């Protein structure tokens, strides 16, 4: 449940810390006092979109934090899956918003994103506002309510898997059924491209090797000159001894001294080893001479081959790997088109089998919805009877439609508020007050299937008063026995039934507007109920009526 809500610099709220309780928490206050700001603040800390206008004018930034405690095992598991530790079965969500509109989010003090706040918040709290009443007017959303009657969603998931596979197969079949003349043109192009690439006999790394050879051959004169100089330095010529001969002379001289100077033997061996290395180097230089030799026609062939690879690269890919991959794709597409009739037949057979399975699953889904719809309608009608709508007919209309991602059903809610009148779509019949009570009935029926611990109702009393408002309050209190309920209301009948009553009040100081939220004691509650019923001028009789209302509410 939501244990504590802290708000700082949100619109007219400079600072407010609200300690919420179990059961039914009611918030009341004059119009414009800031009740909607509380809802906006909660939406913000749950990761919903915000704007910089929400930040109090002149402040350095806004902050909202919400502490949720006594979390369910499923919610704790979800938070841990997202990588956040939980202590004492609680979680602290925080969001800071700058005057520029940028925000910083945290979960238990660790950085998070708005998306993570939304994902966690979806398991913690549900806000029902006036706009949600009007969602009832859209038949497209009615099926979701019926599907929520079933906790097991595996059948719908299995159907959707079959449906999307069936749709994908249909697209493949459609792509294969191309015009024969277009098919012939495409096959001719593929054959030409494949033959052009195959005749080139591509080899990975060939272009790099040829480029190195071309560089060597075009610089052959420089290479020959350098190798000649190096070889002369080692081997010498008719007039000059090279390094190899001179080093051999040094070896011989040192070797002759070994009998007189034994320690010179190691030096002689070292010089002899160097001599062998120099001879090896001279041999390698001669080998390089042979490698650098070439026929001018070979350089011409290299240039032609590189030019071919360049032209192919412009059409089929910049590297040999890309060109070979293009060739493989050509072959595969050609094979598919050459055997298209056989492949098409297999695809059509697979789609027929998938369609049969999809239809079977859709039928099972439809039957389940019929059963759930009957149960849902009966329970909603019972709730509405309690909520002072005893003569209402509530029907879940289910019709067959084309297959789509949700099955083959079109579902909408029908009502009749007057005896003898046939049920008609909600959008054509229900008033604002009736919509509020219908939505409360729907929420009550679905409450057993929801894992949400905290429900917020924003002005659910719209369009109702008197006995109907009292019944709505009783229903809210009934729901609050199993989960925490917060209700923003203008109804004294609902407020009187609260376990905890908060007052939202606004005052002006030094030309600026401030809003504060505080819990009310018994006497303050009596006065607030009188204000709601009678306005600013509160009489002794009004206070007595309020006290009586509060006494009756607490004993009911």
Protein backbone atom coordinates (compact mmCIF):
# COMPACT_ATOMS: atom_id res chain seq x y z
CA UNK A 1 0.00 0.00 0.00
CA UNK A 2 0.98 3.66 -0.38
CA UNK A 3 2.30 4.57 3.08
CA UNK A 4 3.72 8.04 2.50
CA UNK A 5 3.56 10.62 -0.27
CA UNK A 6 5.99 13.56 -0.22
CA UNK A 7 5.50 16.49 -2.60
CA UNK A 8 7.81 19.47 -3.00
CA UNK A 9 7.40 22.45 -5.36
CA UNK A 10 4.63 20.94 -7.48
CA UNK A 11 2.40 23.79 -8.72
CA UNK A 12 0.87 25.47 -5.63
CA UNK A 13 2.17 22.83 -3.22
CA UNK A 14 5.43 24.04 -1.70
CA UNK A 15 5.85 21.09 0.66
CA UNK A 16 3.45 18.37 1.72
CA UNK A 17 4.02 15.05 3.45
CA UNK A 18 0.99 12.77 3.64
CA UNK A 19 0.97 9.63 5.80
CA UNK A 20 -1.72 7.36 4.40
CA UNK A 21 -3.41 4.50 6.19
CA UNK A 22 -5.06 1.21 5.36
CA UNK A 23 -8.73 1.19 4.45
CA UNK A 24 -10.60 4.12 2.90
CA UNK A 25 -8.65 7.39 2.73
CA UNK A 26 -10.71 10.38 1.58
CA UNK A 27 -9.41 13.77 0.42
CA UNK A 28 -11.71 16.76 0.29
CA UNK A 29 -11.30 20.49 -0.19
CA UNK A 30 -12.67 23.51 -1.98
CA UNK A 31 -12.63 23.66 -5.76
CA UNK A 32 -9.19 24.79 -6.90
CA UNK A 33 -7.50 23.88 -3.63
CA UNK A 34 -5.16 21.47 -5.40
CA UNK A 35 -6.82 18.05 -5.36
CA UNK A 36 -5.90 17.43 -9.00
CA UNK A 37 -2.28 18.34 -8.20
CA UNK A 38 -2.10 15.36 -5.84
CA UNK A 39 -3.18 13.06 -8.67
CA UNK A 40 -0.67 14.71 -11.03
CA UNK A 41 2.07 14.21 -8.43
CA UNK A 42 1.25 10.52 -8.04
CA UNK A 43 1.19 10.11 -11.82
CA UNK A 44 4.61 11.77 -11.98
CA UNK A 45 6.23 9.45 -9.42
CA UNK A 46 4.72 6.48 -11.28
CA UNK A 47 6.66 7.48 -14.39
CA UNK A 48 3.89 9.13 -16.40
CA UNK A 49 4.61 12.07 -18.68
CA UNK A 50 5.08 15.45 -17.06
CA UNK A 51 5.79 18.96 -18.27
CA UNK A 52 7.92 21.74 -16.86
CA UNK A 53 4.73 23.70 -16.08
CA UNK A 54 4.19 21.36 -13.13
CA UNK A 55 7.23 22.86 -11.34
CA UNK A 56 6.38 25.63 -8.90
CA UNK A 57 7.29 29.07 -10.26
CA UNK A 58 10.61 30.36 -8.94
CA UNK A 59 11.81 27.04 -7.51
CA UNK A 60 14.96 25.20 -8.53
CA UNK A 61 13.03 22.01 -9.19
CA UNK A 62 10.23 19.74 -8.01
CA UNK A 63 10.34 16.43 -6.18
CA UNK A 64 7.84 13.66 -5.53
CA UNK A 65 8.52 10.52 -3.54
CA UNK A 66 6.19 7.66 -2.70
CA UNK A 67 6.85 4.95 -0.12
CA UNK A 68 4.98 1.67 -0.67
CA UNK A 69 5.01 -0.90 2.11
CA UNK A 70 3.64 -4.41 2.81
CA UNK A 71 4.28 -5.37 -0.81
CA UNK A 72 2.94 -8.63 -2.21
CA UNK A 73 5.40 -11.42 -3.15
CA UNK A 74 4.60 -10.88 -6.84
CA UNK A 75 5.41 -7.17 -6.65
CA UNK A 76 8.63 -7.83 -4.72
CA UNK A 77 9.66 -10.38 -7.33
CA UNK A 78 8.97 -7.89 -10.16
CA UNK A 79 11.11 -5.21 -8.51
CA UNK A 80 13.96 -7.69 -7.98
CA UNK A 81 13.72 -8.83 -11.63
CA UNK A 82 14.36 -5.22 -12.61
CA UNK A 83 17.57 -5.28 -10.54
CA UNK A 84 16.51 -3.43 -7.39
CA UNK A 85 16.81 -4.67 -3.82
CA UNK A 86 13.86 -4.44 -1.45
CA UNK A 87 14.07 -4.02 2.29
CA UNK A 88 11.34 -4.83 4.79
CA UNK A 89 8.84 -5.52 1.96
CA UNK A 90 8.86 -1.86 0.85
CA UNK A 91 9.99 0.29 -2.05
CA UNK A 92 10.66 4.03 -2.35
CA UNK A 93 10.02 5.67 -5.73
CA UNK A 94 11.40 9.17 -6.34
CA UNK A 95 11.30 11.63 -9.20
CA UNK A 96 12.96 15.05 -9.45
CA UNK A 97 11.83 17.44 -12.18
CA UNK A 98 13.88 20.46 -13.26
CA UNK A 99 12.40 23.79 -14.43
CA UNK A 100 13.51 22.80 -17.94
CA UNK A 101 11.34 19.67 -17.80
CA UNK A 102 14.13 17.11 -17.38
CA UNK A 103 13.62 14.49 -14.70
CA UNK A 104 15.72 12.13 -12.58
CA UNK A 105 14.19 8.91 -11.28
CA UNK A 106 15.24 6.58 -8.45
CA UNK A 107 14.10 3.28 -6.97
CA UNK A 108 15.25 2.74 -3.39
CA UNK A 109 17.87 5.44 -3.95
CA UNK A 110 19.31 3.86 -7.10
CA UNK A 111 19.03 5.51 -10.55
CA UNK A 112 16.14 4.41 -12.71
CA UNK A 113 14.17 5.53 -15.78
CA UNK A 114 10.60 6.74 -16.10
CA UNK A 115 9.83 3.47 -17.91
CA UNK A 116 11.02 1.47 -14.89
CA UNK A 117 8.86 3.61 -12.58
CA UNK A 118 5.87 2.89 -14.84
CA UNK A 119 6.57 -0.84 -14.85
CA UNK A 120 6.89 -0.99 -11.06
CA UNK A 121 3.99 1.43 -10.52
CA UNK A 122 1.70 -0.74 -12.64
CA UNK A 123 2.01 -3.41 -9.93
CA UNK A 124 1.49 -1.01 -7.04
CA UNK A 125 -1.31 1.41 -7.77
CA UNK A 126 -4.22 2.05 -10.13
CA UNK A 127 -5.79 5.48 -10.66
CA UNK A 128 -9.41 5.69 -11.76
CA UNK A 129 -10.30 9.17 -12.97
CA UNK A 130 -13.25 10.73 -14.75
CA UNK A 131 -11.65 10.08 -18.15
CA UNK A 132 -11.76 6.35 -17.45
CA UNK A 133 -15.56 6.54 -17.16
CA UNK A 134 -15.63 7.55 -20.80
CA UNK A 135 -13.49 4.58 -21.75
CA UNK A 136 -16.64 2.59 -21.05
CA UNK A 137 -18.17 4.31 -24.07
CA UNK A 138 -15.62 2.67 -26.38
CA UNK A 139 -16.59 -0.93 -27.27
CA UNK A 140 -12.99 -1.57 -28.36
CA UNK A 141 -12.00 -1.65 -24.68
CA UNK A 142 -14.84 -3.82 -23.39
CA UNK A 143 -13.21 -7.12 -24.36
CA UNK A 144 -10.26 -6.36 -22.09
CA UNK A 145 -12.62 -6.23 -19.10
CA UNK A 146 -14.08 -9.64 -19.98
CA UNK A 147 -10.62 -11.16 -20.50
CA UNK A 148 -9.57 -9.92 -17.07
CA UNK A 149 -12.21 -12.19 -15.53
CA UNK A 150 -9.87 -15.08 -16.32
CA UNK A 151 -6.57 -15.13 -14.48
CA UNK A 152 -5.14 -17.67 -16.95
CA UNK A 153 -4.05 -15.84 -20.12
CA UNK A 154 -2.29 -18.81 -21.75
CA UNK A 155 -5.18 -19.54 -24.16
CA UNK A 156 -5.11 -15.99 -25.54
CA UNK A 157 -1.31 -16.12 -25.86
CA UNK A 158 -1.50 -19.46 -27.70
CA UNK A 159 -4.15 -18.10 -30.07
CA UNK A 160 -2.11 -14.96 -30.79
CA UNK A 161 0.94 -17.06 -31.61
CA UNK A 162 -1.12 -19.08 -34.12
CA UNK A 163 -2.75 -15.92 -35.54
CA UNK A 164 0.51 -14.10 -36.17
CA UNK A 165 2.04 -17.23 -37.78
CA UNK A 166 -1.05 -17.58 -40.00
CA UNK A 167 -0.77 -13.91 -41.02
CA UNK A 168 2.95 -14.25 -41.76
CA UNK A 169 2.33 -17.30 -43.95
CA UNK A 170 -0.34 -15.36 -45.84
CA UNK A 171 2.14 -12.60 -46.61
CA UNK A 172 4.73 -15.10 -47.86
CA UNK A 173 2.16 -16.74 -50.12
CA UNK A 174 1.06 -13.37 -51.48
CA UNK A 175 4.68 -12.40 -52.20
CA UNK A 176 5.20 -15.64 -54.14
CA UNK A 177 2.12 -15.19 -56.31
CA UNK A 178 3.72 -12.57 -58.53
CA UNK A 179 2.89 -12.00 -62.19
CA UNK A 180 4.47 -14.63 -64.50
CA UNK A 181 6.08 -12.03 -66.80
CA UNK A 182 7.53 -10.24 -63.77
CA UNK A 183 8.72 -13.59 -62.46
CA UNK A 184 10.46 -14.36 -65.80
CA UNK A 185 12.17 -10.95 -65.81
CA UNK A 186 13.31 -11.41 -62.25
CA UNK A 187 14.70 -14.90 -62.95
CA UNK A 188 16.62 -13.63 -66.01
CA UNK A 189 18.20 -10.89 -63.91
CA UNK A 190 19.10 -13.34 -61.13
CA UNK A 191 20.68 -15.79 -63.61
CA UNK A 192 22.75 -13.01 -65.20
CA UNK A 193 23.95 -11.76 -61.82
CA UNK A 194 24.75 -15.27 -60.59
CA UNK A 195 26.66 -16.16 -63.78
CA UNK A 196 28.61 -12.90 -63.66
CA UNK A 197 29.67 -13.56 -60.08
CA UNK A 198 30.34 -17.25 -60.62
CA UNK A 199 32.52 -16.62 -63.71
CA UNK A 200 34.64 -14.22 -61.64
CA UNK A 201 35.62 -17.13 -59.33
CA UNK A 202 35.83 -14.84 -56.34
CA UNK A 203 38.15 -15.62 -53.47
CA UNK A 204 38.15 -13.90 -50.09
CA UNK A 205 41.26 -11.75 -49.63
CA UNK A 206 42.16 -11.77 -53.33
CA UNK A 207 41.81 -8.03 -53.84
CA UNK A 208 44.18 -7.29 -50.97
CA UNK A 209 46.76 -9.77 -52.28
CA UNK A 210 46.60 -8.36 -55.82
CA UNK A 211 46.90 -4.80 -54.52
CA UNK A 212 50.09 -5.76 -52.64
CA UNK A 213 51.55 -7.41 -55.75
CA UNK A 214 50.73 -4.40 -57.89
CA UNK A 215 52.42 -2.11 -55.38
CA UNK A 216 55.52 -4.33 -55.43
CA UNK A 217 55.68 -4.63 -59.22
CA UNK A 218 55.17 -0.92 -59.88
CA UNK A 219 58.04 -0.17 -57.48
CA UNK A 220 60.34 -2.94 -58.81
CA UNK A 221 63.19 -0.58 -59.80
CA UNK A 222 63.40 0.88 -56.30
CA UNK A 223 63.24 -2.63 -54.83
CA UNK A 224 66.01 -3.92 -57.16
CA UNK A 225 68.27 -0.99 -56.35
CA UNK A 226 67.83 -1.41 -52.61
CA UNK A 227 68.37 -5.19 -52.71
CA UNK A 228 71.50 -4.77 -54.87
CA UNK A 229 73.04 -2.31 -52.42
CA UNK A 230 72.23 -4.57 -49.49
CA UNK A 231 73.66 -7.67 -51.21
CA UNK A 232 76.87 -5.84 -52.19
CA UNK A 233 77.29 -4.77 -48.59
CA UNK A 234 77.17 -8.40 -47.49
CA UNK A 235 78.89 -10.25 -50.37
CA UNK A 236 81.10 -7.49 -51.79
CA UNK A 237 82.38 -7.55 -55.43
CA UNK A 238 85.62 -8.13 -57.35
CA UNK A 239 87.21 -5.02 -55.85
CA UNK A 240 85.72 -4.91 -52.33
CA UNK A 241 85.19 -7.45 -49.61
CA UNK A 242 81.66 -7.62 -48.19
CA UNK A 243 80.63 -7.82 -44.54
CA UNK A 244 80.48 -11.65 -44.69
CA UNK A 245 84.15 -12.01 -45.82
CA UNK A 246 85.38 -9.40 -43.37
CA UNK A 247 83.56 -11.05 -40.50
CA UNK A 248 85.07 -14.43 -41.52
CA UNK A 249 88.51 -12.84 -41.42
CA UNK A 250 87.79 -11.61 -37.88
CA UNK A 251 86.67 -15.11 -36.86
CA UNK A 252 89.87 -16.66 -38.21
CA UNK A 253 92.05 -14.10 -36.40
CA UNK A 254 90.37 -14.65 -33.03
CA UNK A 255 90.47 -18.43 -33.49
CA UNK A 256 94.28 -18.30 -33.98
CA UNK A 257 94.63 -16.62 -30.55
CA UNK A 258 92.59 -19.21 -28.63
CA UNK A 259 95.75 -21.32 -27.87
CA UNK A 260 97.34 -18.26 -26.28
CA UNK A 261 94.21 -16.64 -24.87
CA UNK A 262 91.59 -19.34 -24.03
CA UNK A 263 88.94 -16.87 -22.94
CA UNK A 264 88.75 -15.57 -26.54
CA UNK A 265 87.11 -18.84 -27.66
CA UNK A 266 83.62 -17.68 -26.64
CA UNK A 267 84.09 -14.49 -28.65
CA UNK A 268 85.15 -16.49 -31.71
CA UNK A 269 81.99 -18.62 -31.45
CA UNK A 270 79.79 -15.53 -31.22
CA UNK A 271 81.41 -13.99 -34.31
CA UNK A 272 81.09 -17.30 -36.17
CA UNK A 273 77.33 -17.40 -35.33
CA UNK A 274 76.92 -13.84 -36.62
CA UNK A 275 78.74 -14.84 -39.78
CA UNK A 276 76.26 -17.65 -40.40
CA UNK A 277 73.35 -15.24 -39.83
CA UNK A 278 74.79 -12.79 -42.36
CA UNK A 279 75.14 -15.57 -44.91
CA UNK A 280 71.47 -16.48 -44.32
CA UNK A 281 70.50 -12.84 -44.77
CA UNK A 282 72.35 -12.72 -48.06
CA UNK A 283 70.45 -15.82 -49.18
CA UNK A 284 67.12 -14.22 -48.31
CA UNK A 285 68.06 -11.10 -50.26
CA UNK A 286 68.73 -13.27 -53.34
CA UNK A 287 65.30 -14.90 -52.84
CA UNK A 288 63.68 -11.46 -52.72
CA UNK A 289 65.33 -10.67 -56.02
CA UNK A 290 63.56 -13.65 -57.57
CA UNK A 291 60.20 -12.67 -55.99
CA UNK A 292 60.43 -9.11 -57.30
CA UNK A 293 61.08 -10.30 -60.84
CA UNK A 294 57.95 -10.31 -63.01
CA UNK A 295 56.68 -10.33 -66.55
CA UNK A 296 55.09 -6.99 -67.56
CA UNK A 297 52.14 -8.98 -68.84
CA UNK A 298 51.55 -10.23 -65.28
CA UNK A 299 51.16 -6.64 -64.06
CA UNK A 300 48.66 -6.02 -66.85
CA UNK A 301 46.66 -9.10 -65.79
CA UNK A 302 46.65 -7.88 -62.18
CA UNK A 303 45.32 -4.47 -63.26
CA UNK A 304 42.55 -6.14 -65.29
CA UNK A 305 41.61 -8.42 -62.43
CA UNK A 306 41.47 -5.52 -59.94
CA UNK A 307 39.36 -3.54 -62.39
CA UNK A 308 36.91 -6.47 -62.66
CA UNK A 309 36.71 -6.78 -58.88
CA UNK A 310 36.09 -3.03 -58.61
CA UNK A 311 33.25 -3.15 -61.16
CA UNK A 312 31.66 -6.16 -59.44
CA UNK A 313 32.06 -4.43 -56.09
CA UNK A 314 30.16 -1.40 -57.33
CA UNK A 315 27.18 -3.64 -58.11
CA UNK A 316 27.25 -6.41 -55.54
CA UNK A 317 29.20 -5.29 -52.49
CA UNK A 318 32.42 -3.59 -51.50
CA UNK A 319 34.15 -6.76 -50.23
CA UNK A 320 34.55 -10.31 -51.52
CA UNK A 321 32.45 -11.54 -48.58
CA UNK A 322 29.56 -9.24 -49.54
CA UNK A 323 29.74 -10.26 -53.20
CA UNK A 324 29.77 -13.98 -52.32
CA UNK A 325 26.82 -13.41 -49.98
CA UNK A 326 24.97 -11.67 -52.82
CA UNK A 327 25.70 -14.67 -55.06
CA UNK A 328 24.31 -17.06 -52.43
CA UNK A 329 21.16 -14.96 -52.13
CA UNK A 330 20.73 -15.03 -55.92
CA UNK A 331 21.03 -18.81 -55.92
CA UNK A 332 18.52 -19.18 -53.09
CA UNK A 333 15.99 -16.84 -54.69
CA UNK A 334 16.39 -18.59 -58.04
CA UNK A 335 15.86 -21.95 -56.41
CA UNK A 336 12.78 -20.64 -54.62
CA UNK A 337 11.33 -19.28 -57.86
CA UNK A 338 12.19 -22.39 -59.86
CA UNK A 339 10.47 -24.56 -57.28
CA UNK A 340 7.88 -21.94 -56.35
CA UNK A 341 4.92 -24.18 -57.15
CA UNK A 342 6.13 -26.85 -54.74
CA UNK A 343 7.06 -24.30 -52.04
CA UNK A 344 3.77 -22.47 -52.52
CA UNK A 345 1.87 -25.72 -52.11
CA UNK A 346 3.72 -26.47 -48.86
CA UNK A 347 3.10 -22.95 -47.55
CA UNK A 348 -0.60 -23.16 -48.40
CA UNK A 349 -0.84 -26.52 -46.67
CA UNK A 350 0.93 -25.16 -43.59
CA UNK A 351 -1.36 -22.11 -43.57
CA UNK A 352 -4.45 -24.32 -43.83
CA UNK A 353 -3.26 -26.39 -40.86
CA UNK A 354 -2.39 -23.23 -38.90
CA UNK A 355 -5.77 -21.71 -39.74
CA UNK A 356 -7.59 -24.81 -38.47
CA UNK A 357 -5.65 -24.65 -35.21
CA UNK A 358 -6.22 -20.89 -34.95
CA UNK A 359 -9.98 -21.33 -35.49
CA UNK A 360 -10.13 -24.05 -32.84
CA UNK A 361 -8.31 -21.82 -30.34
CA UNK A 362 -10.53 -18.85 -31.25
CA UNK A 363 -13.62 -20.98 -30.66
CA UNK A 364 -12.34 -22.03 -27.23
CA UNK A 365 -11.52 -18.39 -26.48
CA UNK A 366 -14.99 -17.32 -27.61
CA UNK A 367 -16.70 -19.93 -25.44
CA UNK A 368 -14.66 -18.87 -22.44
CA UNK A 369 -15.65 -15.25 -23.06
CA UNK A 370 -19.33 -16.18 -23.25
CA UNK A 371 -19.12 -17.83 -19.85
CA UNK A 372 -17.07 -14.96 -18.42
CA UNK A 373 -19.47 -12.44 -19.97
CA UNK A 374 -22.50 -14.02 -18.31
CA UNK A 375 -20.72 -14.09 -14.95
CA UNK A 376 -19.46 -10.52 -15.42
CA UNK A 377 -22.94 -9.19 -16.36
CA UNK A 378 -24.60 -10.88 -13.38
CA UNK A 379 -22.03 -9.54 -10.92
CA UNK A 380 -22.07 -6.00 -12.37
CA UNK A 381 -25.90 -5.96 -12.23
CA UNK A 382 -25.78 -7.04 -8.58
CA UNK A 383 -23.32 -4.26 -7.78
CA UNK A 384 -25.42 -1.70 -9.65
CA UNK A 385 -28.51 -2.80 -7.79
CA UNK A 386 -26.68 -2.03 -4.57
CA UNK A 387 -25.59 1.33 -6.03
CA UNK A 388 -29.23 2.51 -6.42
CA UNK A 389 -29.69 1.29 -9.98
CA UNK A 390 -32.10 -1.63 -9.29
CA UNK A 391 -33.95 -1.57 -12.61
CA UNK A 392 -30.89 -1.54 -14.84
CA UNK A 393 -30.27 -4.26 -17.37
CA UNK A 394 -26.60 -4.89 -18.08
CA UNK A 395 -25.77 -7.15 -21.02
CA UNK A 396 -22.46 -8.27 -22.51
CA UNK A 397 -23.15 -8.49 -26.24
CA UNK A 398 -20.80 -10.86 -28.08
CA UNK A 399 -20.80 -11.16 -31.86
CA UNK A 400 -18.62 -13.00 -34.34
CA UNK A 401 -16.18 -10.93 -36.43
CA UNK A 402 -13.18 -11.47 -38.71
CA UNK A 403 -10.12 -13.00 -37.12
CA UNK A 404 -7.79 -10.50 -35.52
CA UNK A 405 -5.09 -10.49 -32.86
CA UNK A 406 -7.71 -10.88 -30.10
CA UNK A 407 -9.80 -13.64 -31.65
CA UNK A 408 -13.06 -13.57 -33.59
CA UNK A 409 -15.27 -11.72 -31.10
CA UNK A 410 -16.66 -8.22 -31.00
CA UNK A 411 -17.82 -7.37 -27.49
CA UNK A 412 -19.67 -4.35 -26.19
CA UNK A 413 -21.67 -3.52 -23.07
CA UNK A 414 -25.38 -2.73 -23.42
CA UNK A 415 -27.64 -1.24 -20.75
CA UNK A 416 -31.25 -0.33 -20.21
CA UNK A 417 -32.02 2.00 -17.32
CA UNK A 418 -35.79 1.94 -17.74
CA UNK A 419 -38.05 -1.15 -17.54
CA UNK A 420 -39.48 -2.17 -20.88
CA UNK A 421 -36.69 -0.55 -22.88
CA UNK A 422 -34.31 -2.87 -24.78
CA UNK A 423 -30.62 -2.67 -23.85
CA UNK A 424 -28.60 -0.30 -26.01
CA UNK A 425 -24.92 0.68 -26.20
CA UNK A 426 -23.62 2.61 -23.18
CA UNK A 427 -22.69 5.62 -25.29
CA UNK A 428 -26.34 6.15 -26.23
CA UNK A 429 -27.89 5.64 -22.79
CA UNK A 430 -25.66 6.29 -19.77
CA UNK A 431 -25.41 9.67 -18.05
CA UNK A 432 -22.30 10.90 -16.24
CA UNK A 433 -23.54 9.73 -12.84
CA UNK A 434 -24.53 6.34 -14.22
CA UNK A 435 -21.12 5.94 -15.85
CA UNK A 436 -19.42 6.60 -12.50
CA UNK A 437 -21.45 3.90 -10.79
CA UNK A 438 -21.05 1.43 -13.66
CA UNK A 439 -17.28 1.89 -13.59
CA UNK A 440 -17.23 1.41 -9.81
CA UNK A 441 -19.26 -1.78 -10.25
CA UNK A 442 -16.82 -2.99 -12.93
CA UNK A 443 -13.85 -2.19 -10.70
CA UNK A 444 -15.45 -4.02 -7.81
CA UNK A 445 -16.16 -7.12 -9.89
CA UNK A 446 -12.60 -7.18 -11.25
CA UNK A 447 -10.99 -6.37 -7.91
CA UNK A 448 -10.59 -10.03 -7.06
CA UNK A 449 -8.52 -10.59 -10.20
CA UNK A 450 -6.34 -7.49 -9.74
CA UNK A 451 -3.09 -7.75 -7.83
CA UNK A 452 -3.05 -3.98 -7.23
CA UNK A 453 -2.90 -3.12 -3.52
CA UNK A 454 -3.89 0.56 -3.86
CA UNK A 455 -6.82 2.00 -5.82
CA UNK A 456 -7.32 5.75 -6.32
CA UNK A 457 -10.72 7.13 -7.33
CA UNK A 458 -10.66 10.72 -8.53
CA UNK A 459 -14.12 12.31 -8.11
CA UNK A 460 -16.08 9.10 -8.69
CA UNK A 461 -19.09 10.94 -7.21
CA UNK A 462 -19.51 13.02 -10.41
CA UNK A 463 -23.19 13.28 -11.28
CA UNK A 464 -24.53 11.53 -8.18
CA UNK A 465 -25.77 12.65 -4.76
CA UNK A 466 -27.98 11.62 -1.87
CA UNK A 467 -28.66 7.91 -1.43
CA UNK A 468 -26.67 6.97 -4.55
CA UNK A 469 -23.59 8.77 -3.20
CA UNK A 470 -24.02 6.99 0.14
CA UNK A 471 -24.17 3.62 -1.64
CA UNK A 472 -21.03 4.48 -3.62
CA UNK A 473 -19.30 5.29 -0.34
CA UNK A 474 -20.38 1.98 1.16
CA UNK A 475 -19.04 0.16 -1.89
CA UNK A 476 -15.73 2.00 -1.66
CA UNK A 477 -15.47 1.06 2.00
CA UNK A 478 -16.25 -2.56 1.12
CA UNK A 479 -13.46 -2.59 -1.48
CA UNK A 480 -11.09 -0.97 1.06
CA UNK A 481 -11.41 -3.99 3.35
CA UNK A 482 -9.20 -5.95 0.95
CA UNK A 483 -6.98 -3.17 -0.40
CA UNK A 484 -6.11 0.45 0.28
CA UNK A 485 -8.48 2.97 -1.34
CA UNK A 486 -7.87 6.71 -1.85
CA UNK A 487 -10.80 8.82 -2.96
CA UNK A 488 -10.86 12.48 -3.99
CA UNK A 489 -14.48 13.54 -3.52
CA UNK A 490 -16.96 16.42 -3.20
CA UNK A 491 -19.55 14.18 -1.57
CA UNK A 492 -20.21 14.43 2.16
CA UNK A 493 -21.88 11.00 2.10
CA UNK A 494 -18.69 9.39 0.81
CA UNK A 495 -16.38 11.46 3.02
CA UNK A 496 -18.34 10.47 6.15
CA UNK A 497 -17.55 6.79 5.49
CA UNK A 498 -13.76 7.31 5.41
CA UNK A 499 -11.39 5.59 7.80
CA UNK A 500 -9.02 8.55 7.38
CA UNK A 501 -10.06 12.01 6.19
CA UNK A 502 -7.57 14.51 4.71
CA UNK A 503 -8.30 18.16 4.00
CA UNK A 504 -6.68 19.94 1.07
CA UNK A 505 -6.73 23.66 1.75
CA UNK A 506 -5.29 26.68 0.01
CA UNK A 507 -4.14 29.99 1.47
CA UNK A 508 -2.31 33.08 0.24
CA UNK A 509 0.80 34.48 1.92
CA UNK A 510 2.93 37.39 0.69
CA UNK A 511 1.12 37.34 -2.64
CA UNK A 512 1.79 33.66 -3.29
CA UNK A 513 -0.56 30.67 -3.17
CA UNK A 514 0.19 27.70 -0.90
CA UNK A 515 -1.64 24.40 -0.54
CA UNK A 516 -1.32 22.00 2.38
CA UNK A 517 -2.76 18.58 3.11
CA UNK A 518 -3.51 17.48 6.66
CA UNK A 519 -5.51 14.74 8.41
CA UNK A 520 -8.66 15.83 10.26
CA UNK A 521 -9.69 15.00 13.80
CA UNK A 522 -13.32 14.27 14.65
CA UNK A 523 -14.45 17.87 15.22
CA UNK A 524 -12.66 19.04 12.09
CA UNK A 525 -14.34 16.29 10.08
CA UNK A 526 -17.74 17.42 11.33
CA UNK A 527 -17.03 20.97 10.19
CA UNK A 528 -15.67 19.86 6.81
CA UNK A 529 -18.77 17.74 6.14
CA UNK A 530 -20.92 20.75 6.98
CA UNK A 531 -18.90 22.91 4.57
CA UNK A 532 -19.31 20.35 1.78
CA UNK A 533 -23.08 20.25 2.29
CA UNK A 534 -23.76 23.90 3.01
CA UNK A 535 -20.92 26.11 1.82
CA UNK A 536 -19.06 28.83 3.72
CA UNK A 537 -21.84 29.82 6.16
CA UNK A 538 -21.97 26.93 8.59
CA UNK A 539 -24.81 26.93 11.14
CA UNK A 540 -25.23 25.00 14.36
CA UNK A 541 -27.91 22.84 12.75
CA UNK A 542 -25.60 21.98 9.86
CA UNK A 543 -22.91 20.92 12.34
CA UNK A 544 -25.44 18.75 14.17
CA UNK A 545 -26.49 17.15 10.87
CA UNK A 546 -22.84 16.53 9.98
CA UNK A 547 -22.16 14.93 13.37
CA UNK A 548 -25.21 12.72 12.94
CA UNK A 549 -24.08 11.73 9.45
CA UNK A 550 -20.60 10.87 10.73
CA UNK A 551 -22.03 8.87 13.63
CA UNK A 552 -24.34 6.89 11.34
CA UNK A 553 -21.52 6.27 8.85
CA UNK A 554 -19.23 4.91 11.52
CA UNK A 555 -21.92 2.58 12.86
CA UNK A 556 -23.03 1.29 9.43
